[in-house]
N, C-alpha and C. Protein backbone atom coordinates (compact mmCIF):
# COMPACT_ATOMS: atom_id res chain seq x y z
N MET A 1 0.92 -1.10 -0.01
CA MET A 1 0.01 0.11 0.01
C MET A 1 0.96 1.33 -0.06
N ILE A 2 0.53 2.14 -0.90
CA ILE A 2 1.26 3.53 -0.95
C ILE A 2 0.50 4.44 -0.29
N GLU A 3 1.14 5.31 0.64
CA GLU A 3 0.54 6.39 1.30
C GLU A 3 1.13 7.73 0.90
N VAL A 4 0.37 8.57 0.67
CA VAL A 4 1.10 9.97 0.26
C VAL A 4 0.65 10.93 1.40
N TYR A 5 1.68 11.47 2.05
CA TYR A 5 1.35 12.38 3.12
C TYR A 5 1.52 13.90 2.24
N THR A 6 0.17 14.45 2.63
CA THR A 6 0.06 15.87 1.99
C THR A 6 -0.52 17.02 2.79
N LEU A 7 -0.16 18.12 2.38
CA LEU A 7 -0.85 19.48 2.82
C LEU A 7 -1.90 20.10 1.78
N PRO A 8 -2.84 20.76 2.38
CA PRO A 8 -3.57 21.32 1.35
C PRO A 8 -2.82 22.59 0.59
N ASP A 9 -3.03 22.68 -0.80
CA ASP A 9 -2.41 23.71 -1.39
C ASP A 9 -0.86 23.49 -1.81
N CYS A 10 -0.48 22.19 -1.86
CA CYS A 10 0.87 22.08 -2.02
C CYS A 10 1.00 21.40 -3.54
N SER A 11 1.52 22.14 -4.29
CA SER A 11 1.82 21.72 -5.69
C SER A 11 2.63 20.51 -5.89
N HIS A 12 3.42 20.37 -5.23
CA HIS A 12 4.11 19.04 -5.33
C HIS A 12 3.60 17.80 -4.86
N CYS A 13 2.50 18.16 -3.84
CA CYS A 13 1.69 16.90 -3.55
C CYS A 13 0.70 16.55 -4.65
N GLN A 14 0.19 17.64 -5.18
CA GLN A 14 -0.71 17.59 -6.31
C GLN A 14 -0.08 16.65 -7.44
N GLU A 15 1.16 17.11 -7.82
CA GLU A 15 1.93 16.48 -8.91
C GLU A 15 2.21 15.08 -8.65
N ALA A 16 2.64 14.70 -7.41
CA ALA A 16 2.89 13.30 -6.94
C ALA A 16 1.59 12.57 -7.13
N LYS A 17 0.46 13.15 -6.66
CA LYS A 17 -0.89 12.33 -6.84
C LYS A 17 -1.18 12.16 -8.38
N ASN A 18 -1.03 13.15 -9.27
CA ASN A 18 -1.28 13.06 -10.50
C ASN A 18 -0.48 12.20 -11.08
N TYR A 19 0.76 12.02 -10.80
CA TYR A 19 1.63 10.95 -11.60
C TYR A 19 1.12 9.47 -11.01
N LEU A 20 0.78 9.30 -9.99
CA LEU A 20 0.40 8.00 -9.31
C LEU A 20 -0.88 7.59 -10.13
N LYS A 21 -1.78 8.63 -10.28
CA LYS A 21 -2.91 8.45 -11.06
C LYS A 21 -2.78 7.94 -12.41
N GLU A 22 -1.94 8.74 -13.16
CA GLU A 22 -1.49 8.49 -14.62
C GLU A 22 -0.89 7.18 -14.80
N LYS A 23 -0.13 6.74 -13.72
CA LYS A 23 0.40 5.37 -13.76
C LYS A 23 -0.30 4.10 -13.38
N GLY A 24 -1.61 4.62 -12.97
CA GLY A 24 -2.55 3.54 -12.35
C GLY A 24 -2.22 2.87 -11.12
N ILE A 25 -1.65 3.54 -10.36
CA ILE A 25 -1.10 3.16 -9.13
C ILE A 25 -2.02 3.73 -8.03
N SER A 26 -2.71 2.57 -7.26
CA SER A 26 -3.55 3.18 -6.05
C SER A 26 -2.68 3.63 -4.94
N PHE A 27 -3.29 4.58 -4.13
CA PHE A 27 -2.73 5.22 -3.13
C PHE A 27 -3.75 5.58 -2.30
N LEU A 28 -3.17 5.93 -0.94
CA LEU A 28 -4.11 6.41 0.19
C LEU A 28 -3.51 8.04 0.59
N GLU A 29 -4.26 8.87 0.22
CA GLU A 29 -3.75 10.32 0.65
C GLU A 29 -4.04 10.53 1.96
N ILE A 30 -2.95 11.07 2.68
CA ILE A 30 -3.24 11.31 4.20
C ILE A 30 -2.92 12.94 4.25
N ASN A 31 -3.87 13.66 4.39
CA ASN A 31 -3.86 15.11 4.60
C ASN A 31 -3.57 15.29 6.08
N LEU A 32 -2.28 15.75 6.24
CA LEU A 32 -1.85 15.94 7.65
C LEU A 32 -2.25 17.14 8.24
N LYS A 33 -3.18 18.10 7.73
CA LYS A 33 -4.01 18.96 8.28
C LYS A 33 -5.21 18.53 9.04
N LYS A 34 -5.82 17.35 8.80
CA LYS A 34 -6.95 16.92 9.35
C LYS A 34 -6.74 16.27 10.72
N LYS A 35 -7.67 16.84 11.67
CA LYS A 35 -7.47 16.20 12.95
C LYS A 35 -7.46 14.74 13.14
N GLU A 36 -8.32 14.10 12.29
CA GLU A 36 -8.31 12.47 12.61
C GLU A 36 -6.90 11.99 12.17
N ASN A 37 -6.11 12.70 11.38
CA ASN A 37 -4.61 12.13 10.90
C ASN A 37 -3.71 12.36 12.03
N ARG A 38 -4.14 12.47 13.30
CA ARG A 38 -3.19 12.60 14.36
C ARG A 38 -2.17 11.50 14.28
N GLU A 39 -2.30 10.22 14.30
CA GLU A 39 -1.34 9.27 14.36
C GLU A 39 -0.46 9.30 13.12
N ALA A 40 -0.96 9.75 12.01
CA ALA A 40 -0.08 9.99 10.69
C ALA A 40 0.83 10.93 10.93
N ARG A 41 0.50 12.24 11.55
CA ARG A 41 1.40 13.30 11.81
C ARG A 41 2.64 12.69 12.66
N ILE A 42 2.10 12.04 13.67
CA ILE A 42 3.32 11.46 14.61
C ILE A 42 4.36 10.71 13.59
N PHE A 43 3.55 9.85 13.10
CA PHE A 43 4.69 8.89 12.07
C PHE A 43 5.40 9.73 11.24
N TRP A 44 4.80 10.76 10.49
CA TRP A 44 5.51 11.67 9.70
C TRP A 44 6.60 12.37 10.35
N ARG A 45 6.30 12.82 11.50
CA ARG A 45 7.48 13.40 12.34
C ARG A 45 8.53 12.64 12.65
N SER A 46 8.22 11.21 13.00
CA SER A 46 9.31 10.34 13.54
C SER A 46 10.42 10.13 12.48
N LEU A 47 9.74 10.41 11.15
CA LEU A 47 10.73 10.20 10.18
C LEU A 47 11.87 11.29 10.02
N GLY A 48 11.64 12.44 10.78
CA GLY A 48 12.50 13.64 10.69
C GLY A 48 12.23 14.31 9.51
N ILE A 49 11.13 14.41 8.91
CA ILE A 49 10.78 15.17 7.82
C ILE A 49 9.81 16.16 8.02
N TYR A 50 9.92 17.43 7.66
CA TYR A 50 9.08 18.44 7.94
C TYR A 50 8.45 18.96 6.57
N LYS A 51 8.45 18.31 5.51
CA LYS A 51 8.03 18.79 4.16
C LYS A 51 7.24 17.62 3.63
N VAL A 52 6.39 18.23 2.66
CA VAL A 52 5.64 17.25 1.96
C VAL A 52 5.74 17.31 0.51
N PRO A 53 5.52 16.33 -0.47
CA PRO A 53 4.84 15.24 0.02
C PRO A 53 5.95 13.99 0.45
N VAL A 54 5.65 13.24 1.27
CA VAL A 54 6.26 11.98 1.83
C VAL A 54 5.42 10.95 1.25
N ILE A 55 6.17 10.06 0.60
CA ILE A 55 5.60 9.00 -0.12
C ILE A 55 6.00 7.64 0.63
N VAL A 56 5.03 6.73 1.13
CA VAL A 56 5.48 5.59 1.92
C VAL A 56 4.83 4.43 1.29
N LEU A 57 5.76 3.40 1.10
CA LEU A 57 5.25 2.16 0.47
C LEU A 57 5.50 1.13 1.61
N LYS A 58 4.35 0.66 2.34
CA LYS A 58 4.21 -0.38 3.33
C LYS A 58 3.86 -1.92 2.69
N THR A 59 4.76 -2.76 3.19
CA THR A 59 4.38 -4.10 2.42
C THR A 59 4.39 -4.89 4.02
N ASP A 60 4.25 -6.11 3.82
CA ASP A 60 4.10 -7.09 5.06
C ASP A 60 5.35 -7.05 5.93
N ASP A 61 6.47 -7.08 5.42
CA ASP A 61 7.76 -7.04 5.83
C ASP A 61 8.73 -5.62 6.22
N LYS A 62 8.30 -4.70 5.34
CA LYS A 62 8.91 -3.43 5.51
C LYS A 62 8.25 -2.06 5.16
N ILE A 63 8.89 -1.24 5.39
CA ILE A 63 8.27 0.27 5.02
C ILE A 63 9.44 0.95 4.13
N SER A 64 9.27 1.45 3.01
CA SER A 64 10.04 2.31 2.28
C SER A 64 9.57 3.59 2.18
N VAL A 65 10.35 4.62 2.35
CA VAL A 65 9.99 5.87 2.42
C VAL A 65 10.83 6.98 1.40
N LEU A 66 10.06 7.50 0.51
CA LEU A 66 10.53 8.67 -0.52
C LEU A 66 10.59 9.95 0.31
N LYS A 67 11.53 10.42 0.80
CA LYS A 67 11.61 11.69 1.63
C LYS A 67 11.91 12.88 0.85
N ASP A 68 12.60 12.78 -0.17
CA ASP A 68 12.72 14.10 -1.02
C ASP A 68 12.31 13.86 -2.33
N TYR A 69 11.19 14.56 -2.51
CA TYR A 69 10.22 14.44 -3.66
C TYR A 69 10.80 15.24 -4.93
N SER A 70 10.98 14.50 -6.03
CA SER A 70 10.71 15.09 -7.21
C SER A 70 10.10 13.99 -8.24
N LYS A 71 9.65 14.39 -9.19
CA LYS A 71 8.93 13.47 -10.22
C LYS A 71 9.88 12.50 -10.40
N GLU A 72 11.02 12.84 -10.82
CA GLU A 72 12.21 11.81 -11.30
C GLU A 72 12.59 10.77 -10.18
N LYS A 73 12.63 11.33 -9.00
CA LYS A 73 12.88 10.48 -7.81
C LYS A 73 11.70 9.63 -7.66
N LEU A 74 10.49 10.04 -7.73
CA LEU A 74 9.32 9.16 -7.42
C LEU A 74 9.42 8.05 -8.46
N GLU A 75 9.66 8.30 -9.82
CA GLU A 75 9.54 7.32 -10.82
C GLU A 75 10.71 6.24 -10.63
N GLU A 76 11.97 6.70 -10.32
CA GLU A 76 12.91 5.80 -9.89
C GLU A 76 12.62 4.88 -8.72
N TRP A 77 12.04 5.52 -7.91
CA TRP A 77 11.73 4.67 -6.51
C TRP A 77 10.60 3.91 -6.73
N LEU A 78 9.55 4.15 -7.52
CA LEU A 78 8.71 3.21 -7.98
C LEU A 78 9.11 2.04 -8.80
N LYS A 79 10.20 2.16 -9.66
CA LYS A 79 10.71 1.28 -10.27
C LYS A 79 11.61 0.18 -9.67
N ARG A 80 12.25 0.92 -8.57
CA ARG A 80 13.01 -0.01 -7.61
C ARG A 80 12.22 -0.71 -6.86
N HIS A 81 11.08 -0.50 -6.48
CA HIS A 81 10.02 -1.26 -5.65
C HIS A 81 9.26 -2.01 -6.46
N GLY A 82 9.20 -2.16 -7.80
CA GLY A 82 8.47 -2.95 -8.67
C GLY A 82 6.91 -2.44 -8.90
N GLU A 83 6.88 -1.29 -8.67
CA GLU A 83 5.49 -0.67 -8.81
C GLU A 83 5.34 -0.14 -10.09
N ILE A 84 6.21 0.02 -11.11
CA ILE A 84 6.22 0.29 -12.42
C ILE A 84 7.39 -0.31 -13.06
N GLN A 85 7.46 -0.39 -14.53
CA GLN A 85 8.60 -0.91 -15.22
C GLN A 85 9.39 0.20 -15.73
């Protein structure tokens, strides 16, 4: 499962979400401003990252985090994890 940690009005967040949609990759958007996402904010902060988007791939045995977003880095990260070819 891919999670995309976002904030409202974040152009890079929108770009990342659009890219994932274009590639047909399902994801869960986590808006860090919403009160109900308190635990997600705690996790996000535990990563030592204070910018968005942060993209997380969770599998049964590990978590992989793309901390420093760019469209090119996202594409390479997705390839490395077998999400796209």
